């Protein structure tokens, strides 16, 4: 009997172990088949991580930050616009002050601009004197002031512009040339002081002859002391009638003993300036 028990026990253990292994294998097989048969999830269907599942707080924080940045940007833009406007007004005021100062500087002296030497303005009716009928055989005789010549010699305070002789008067820094003849506008009429004299006259009028002057032409002055000197043209140019004396001063006063002649070009817009020494 004892031998039978031992035999029976030894046969039962392998059967139990085989059954357990068979059950485990069946479970693995069922799990594998279930996994194989389960459809794959699309990428958009996969669950999001827990950390990002609720973003309401994050969105609120981001919105606050963006809003604050926008407010700050608007505030900065407003401040910049205000500053820009203030600077623009200040610049405009500065320009106005500079322009006013410039105008005041030019308007201060009585002869800031060159004198009028055309037949317009307050003396328009009398600026161009009556010119007698011209003798075609002797055209210069009709334009010559006979009172300016005495005994074959020029009288004191007269000027001969390439054959046209006329008296001149003191017109120191006047706004316009004398009605007839010439005017000494600036400088000295002396022919011996080594300096310059600035003579003006109307065109049409007594100084029409200045329009035909060219380099080398003679200009003779018999000064108020009766001393004569003949100069010759060395330079001539045209400027707008709005020109200031300071604009041409250095150019016309660098020749020492010399005379400067100015007249209108006839267009009421430009002057012709001639220098002779």
Protein backbone atom coordinates (compact mmCIF):
# COMPACT_ATOMS: atom_id res chain seq x y z
CA UNK A 1 0.00 0.00 0.00
CA UNK A 2 2.75 2.36 0.90
CA UNK A 3 4.40 1.80 -2.43
CA UNK A 4 1.18 2.72 -4.18
CA UNK A 5 0.89 6.04 -2.35
CA UNK A 6 4.34 7.05 -3.31
CA UNK A 7 3.65 6.26 -6.93
CA UNK A 8 0.37 8.14 -6.96
CA UNK A 9 1.94 11.31 -5.46
CA UNK A 10 4.73 11.41 -7.95
CA UNK A 11 2.30 11.32 -10.89
CA UNK A 12 -0.07 14.08 -9.59
CA UNK A 13 2.55 16.88 -9.33
CA UNK A 14 3.41 16.94 -13.01
CA UNK A 15 -0.28 17.11 -13.98
CA UNK A 16 -0.89 20.09 -11.68
CA UNK A 17 2.17 21.99 -13.02
CA UNK A 18 1.15 21.30 -16.61
CA UNK A 19 -2.33 22.63 -15.93
CA UNK A 20 -1.00 25.85 -14.39
CA UNK A 21 1.32 26.49 -17.34
CA UNK A 22 -1.53 25.87 -19.74
CA UNK A 23 -3.72 28.46 -17.95
CA UNK A 24 -0.97 31.11 -18.00
CA UNK A 25 -0.33 30.50 -21.68
CA UNK A 26 -4.03 30.83 -22.39
CA UNK A 27 -4.18 34.18 -20.60
CA UNK A 28 -1.18 35.55 -22.53
CA UNK A 29 -2.65 34.32 -25.78
CA UNK A 30 -6.01 35.96 -25.03
CA UNK A 31 -4.32 39.23 -24.05
CA UNK A 32 -2.17 39.24 -27.18
CA UNK A 33 -5.16 38.58 -29.38
CA UNK A 34 -7.15 41.37 -27.69
CA UNK A 35 -4.24 43.83 -28.14
CA UNK A 36 -3.85 42.77 -31.78
CA UNK A 37 -7.56 43.19 -32.47
CA UNK A 38 -7.84 46.64 -30.71
CA UNK A 39 -7.85 49.50 -33.38
CA UNK A 40 -5.02 52.00 -33.20
CA UNK A 41 -5.99 55.48 -31.98
CA UNK A 42 -5.48 58.41 -34.32
CA UNK A 43 -2.91 60.95 -33.09
CA UNK A 44 -5.68 63.46 -32.39
CA UNK A 45 -7.51 60.94 -30.26
CA UNK A 46 -4.67 60.25 -27.90
CA UNK A 47 -5.26 61.60 -24.41
CA UNK A 48 -3.34 64.76 -23.52
CA UNK A 49 -0.98 64.74 -20.53
CA UNK A 50 -2.51 65.48 -17.21
CA UNK A 51 -0.29 68.53 -16.75
CA UNK A 52 -1.83 70.17 -19.82
CA UNK A 53 -5.33 68.88 -19.45
CA UNK A 54 -6.61 72.17 -17.90
CA UNK A 55 -5.18 75.37 -19.40
CA UNK A 56 -7.72 77.90 -18.15
CA UNK A 57 -5.35 79.32 -15.54
CA UNK A 58 -2.49 79.56 -18.02
CA UNK A 59 -4.69 81.29 -20.58
CA UNK A 60 -5.83 83.83 -18.00
CA UNK A 61 -2.26 84.63 -16.97
CA UNK A 62 -1.16 85.01 -20.59
CA UNK A 63 -4.14 87.24 -21.34
CA UNK A 64 -3.31 89.49 -18.38
CA UNK A 65 0.33 89.77 -19.47
CA UNK A 66 -0.61 90.57 -23.07
CA UNK A 67 -3.20 93.14 -21.95
CA UNK A 68 -0.70 94.82 -19.61
CA UNK A 69 1.89 94.93 -22.42
CA UNK A 70 -0.69 96.50 -24.72
CA UNK A 71 -1.61 99.07 -22.11
CA UNK A 72 2.04 99.93 -21.59
CA UNK A 73 2.58 100.18 -25.35
CA UNK A 74 -0.43 102.49 -25.71
CA UNK A 75 0.80 104.63 -22.83
CA UNK A 76 4.28 104.87 -24.35
CA UNK A 77 2.84 105.73 -27.78
CA UNK A 78 0.64 108.43 -26.24
CA UNK A 79 3.60 109.88 -24.36
CA UNK A 80 5.75 109.81 -27.52
CA UNK A 81 3.04 111.57 -29.54
CA UNK A 82 2.73 114.27 -26.90
CA UNK A 83 6.50 114.73 -26.78
CA UNK A 84 6.71 114.78 -30.59
CA UNK A 85 3.96 117.39 -30.78
CA UNK A 86 5.70 119.54 -28.17
CA UNK A 87 9.01 119.32 -30.03
CA UNK A 88 7.30 120.17 -33.32
CA UNK A 89 5.70 123.27 -31.79
CA UNK A 90 9.01 124.26 -30.25
CA UNK A 91 10.81 123.82 -33.59
CA UNK A 92 8.19 125.93 -35.36
CA UNK A 93 8.54 128.63 -32.73
CA UNK A 94 12.32 128.56 -33.06
CA UNK A 95 12.07 128.89 -36.84
CA UNK A 96 9.70 131.81 -36.44
CA UNK A 97 12.06 133.49 -33.98
CA UNK A 98 15.04 132.97 -36.29
CA UNK A 99 13.10 134.37 -39.25
CA UNK A 100 11.95 137.35 -37.20
CA UNK A 101 15.49 138.00 -36.01
CA UNK A 102 16.80 137.73 -39.57
CA UNK A 103 14.16 140.13 -40.86
CA UNK A 104 14.76 142.50 -37.99
CA UNK A 105 18.50 142.47 -38.67
CA UNK A 106 17.92 143.32 -42.31
CA UNK A 107 15.16 145.82 -41.63
CA UNK A 108 17.06 147.63 -38.94
CA UNK A 109 19.39 149.70 -41.15
CA UNK A 110 17.62 152.21 -43.42
CA UNK A 111 19.39 150.84 -46.50
CA UNK A 112 19.28 147.10 -45.94
CA UNK A 113 18.28 146.35 -49.52
CA UNK A 114 19.64 147.90 -52.66
CA UNK A 115 17.85 151.12 -53.66
CA UNK A 116 15.08 151.07 -56.24
CA UNK A 117 16.36 152.24 -59.61
CA UNK A 118 13.35 151.51 -61.81
CA UNK A 119 10.36 153.66 -62.71
CA UNK A 120 7.99 152.10 -60.15
CA UNK A 121 6.96 152.89 -56.62
CA UNK A 122 6.04 156.24 -55.08
CA UNK A 123 8.03 158.22 -57.64
CA UNK A 124 6.85 156.19 -60.65
CA UNK A 125 5.21 159.21 -62.24
CA UNK A 126 8.39 161.29 -62.07
CA UNK A 127 11.12 158.65 -62.16
CA UNK A 128 11.63 158.76 -65.92
CA UNK A 129 12.33 162.31 -67.06
CA UNK A 130 11.11 163.60 -70.38
CA UNK A 131 13.62 162.72 -73.07
CA UNK A 132 13.81 165.07 -76.02
CA UNK A 133 13.60 163.86 -79.57
CA UNK A 134 16.85 162.21 -80.58
CA UNK A 135 18.91 163.48 -83.50
CA UNK A 136 19.85 160.33 -85.38
CA UNK A 137 23.06 161.96 -86.59
CA UNK A 138 24.16 162.90 -83.05
CA UNK A 139 22.20 160.68 -80.63
CA UNK A 140 24.34 161.43 -77.58
CA UNK A 141 23.82 165.16 -77.84
CA UNK A 142 20.13 164.86 -76.94
CA UNK A 143 20.93 162.78 -73.85
CA UNK A 144 23.74 164.97 -72.58
CA UNK A 145 23.07 167.38 -69.77
CA UNK A 146 24.50 170.60 -71.19
CA UNK A 147 24.72 172.12 -67.70
CA UNK A 148 27.14 169.35 -66.72
CA UNK A 149 29.78 170.63 -69.13
CA UNK A 150 31.42 174.02 -68.81
CA UNK A 151 34.03 175.40 -71.17
CA UNK A 152 34.84 171.95 -72.55
CA UNK A 153 35.38 170.50 -69.06
CA UNK A 154 33.04 168.62 -66.75
CA UNK A 155 31.54 170.54 -63.88
CA UNK A 156 32.00 169.42 -60.30
CA UNK A 157 29.67 166.63 -59.10
CA UNK A 158 29.09 165.18 -62.55
CA UNK A 159 29.58 161.72 -63.99
CA UNK A 160 30.24 160.66 -67.59
CA UNK A 161 29.04 157.13 -68.36
CA UNK A 162 30.69 156.22 -71.66
CA UNK A 163 29.77 159.60 -73.18
CA UNK A 164 26.52 160.32 -71.30
CA UNK A 165 27.22 163.17 -68.89
CA UNK A 166 24.89 164.00 -66.00
CA UNK A 167 25.03 165.62 -62.56
CA UNK A 168 24.77 163.59 -59.38
CA UNK A 169 23.39 164.49 -55.98
CA UNK A 170 23.82 163.16 -52.48
CA UNK A 171 21.42 160.20 -52.12
CA UNK A 172 23.10 158.58 -49.15
CA UNK A 173 21.25 155.30 -48.36
CA UNK A 174 17.97 156.51 -49.86
CA UNK A 175 15.31 153.97 -50.79
CA UNK A 176 15.27 155.05 -54.43
CA UNK A 177 17.37 156.84 -57.03
CA UNK A 178 16.79 160.55 -57.74
CA UNK A 179 14.20 161.44 -60.35
CA UNK A 180 16.85 162.44 -62.88
CA UNK A 181 20.60 162.30 -63.07
CA UNK A 182 22.55 160.09 -60.69
CA UNK A 183 22.74 159.74 -56.94
CA UNK A 184 25.71 158.98 -54.70
CA UNK A 185 24.16 156.23 -52.58
CA UNK A 186 27.14 155.05 -50.51
CA UNK A 187 30.87 155.63 -50.23
CA UNK A 188 32.71 158.74 -51.39
CA UNK A 189 32.71 160.66 -54.65
CA UNK A 190 36.34 161.63 -54.15
CA UNK A 191 38.57 160.55 -57.03
CA UNK A 192 41.74 160.63 -54.93
CA UNK A 193 40.96 158.92 -51.61
CA UNK A 194 41.69 155.37 -52.81
CA UNK A 195 38.17 154.24 -51.96
CA UNK A 196 34.90 153.60 -53.80
CA UNK A 197 31.71 155.48 -54.58
CA UNK A 198 28.33 153.81 -55.28
CA UNK A 199 26.19 155.67 -57.85
CA UNK A 200 22.56 154.87 -58.69
CA UNK A 201 20.16 155.98 -61.42
CA UNK A 202 16.87 155.03 -63.09
CA UNK A 203 16.29 152.87 -66.16
CA UNK A 204 14.35 153.93 -68.13
CA UNK A 205 15.94 157.25 -67.34
CA UNK A 206 19.34 158.79 -66.87
CA UNK A 207 21.10 155.50 -66.17
CA UNK A 208 19.83 153.64 -69.23
CA UNK A 209 23.39 154.04 -70.53
CA UNK A 210 24.64 151.71 -67.76
CA UNK A 211 22.87 148.80 -69.47
CA UNK A 212 25.24 148.97 -72.45
CA UNK A 213 28.49 149.15 -70.51
CA UNK A 214 31.00 146.37 -71.10
CA UNK A 215 34.49 145.57 -69.86
CA UNK A 216 36.94 148.33 -70.73
CA UNK A 217 34.35 151.08 -71.24
CA UNK A 218 35.20 154.45 -69.59
CA UNK A 219 33.39 156.06 -66.69
CA UNK A 220 34.61 159.52 -65.67
CA UNK A 221 33.77 161.24 -62.41
CA UNK A 222 34.39 164.92 -61.64
CA UNK A 223 34.06 164.93 -57.86
CA UNK A 224 32.62 167.67 -55.68
CA UNK A 225 36.11 169.21 -55.45
CA UNK A 226 36.28 169.50 -59.26
CA UNK A 227 38.92 166.78 -59.66
CA UNK A 228 38.29 164.35 -62.52
CA UNK A 229 39.31 160.74 -62.92
CA UNK A 230 38.51 158.20 -65.61
CA UNK A 231 37.82 154.60 -64.60
CA UNK A 232 37.30 151.54 -66.82
CA UNK A 233 34.77 148.75 -66.38
CA UNK A 234 36.25 145.59 -64.82
CA UNK A 235 33.17 143.66 -63.69
CA UNK A 236 29.40 143.57 -64.13
CA UNK A 237 26.61 141.27 -62.90
CA UNK A 238 22.85 141.06 -62.41
CA UNK A 239 21.04 140.44 -59.12
CA UNK A 240 17.36 140.19 -58.06
CA UNK A 241 15.83 143.45 -56.84
CA UNK A 242 15.41 141.83 -53.40
CA UNK A 243 19.21 141.63 -52.95
CA UNK A 244 20.72 143.00 -49.75
CA UNK A 245 23.75 145.27 -49.71
CA UNK A 246 25.58 142.73 -47.56
CA UNK A 247 25.17 140.15 -50.36
CA UNK A 248 27.33 142.11 -52.82
CA UNK A 249 29.43 144.32 -50.54
CA UNK A 250 32.59 142.21 -50.61
CA UNK A 251 32.45 141.84 -54.39
CA UNK A 252 32.04 145.52 -55.26
CA UNK A 253 34.31 147.15 -52.67
CA UNK A 254 37.55 145.25 -53.29
CA UNK A 255 38.97 147.45 -56.07
CA UNK A 256 40.25 150.38 -54.05
CA UNK A 257 39.81 153.63 -56.00
CA UNK A 258 36.72 152.78 -58.05
CA UNK A 259 33.10 153.56 -58.88
CA UNK A 260 30.07 151.28 -58.71
CA UNK A 261 27.01 151.91 -60.87
CA UNK A 262 23.58 150.36 -60.34
CA UNK A 263 20.40 150.53 -62.42
CA UNK A 264 17.29 148.48 -63.14
CA UNK A 265 17.30 145.92 -65.94
CA UNK A 266 13.92 147.20 -67.11
CA UNK A 267 11.92 144.18 -65.90
CA UNK A 268 11.20 145.59 -62.42
CA UNK A 269 12.76 142.44 -61.01
CA UNK A 270 16.56 142.67 -61.47
CA UNK A 271 19.36 145.20 -61.11
CA UNK A 272 22.56 145.51 -63.11
CA UNK A 273 25.68 146.39 -61.15
CA UNK A 274 28.86 147.59 -62.87
CA UNK A 275 32.30 148.20 -61.29
CA UNK A 276 34.98 150.40 -62.86
CA UNK A 277 38.44 151.31 -61.53
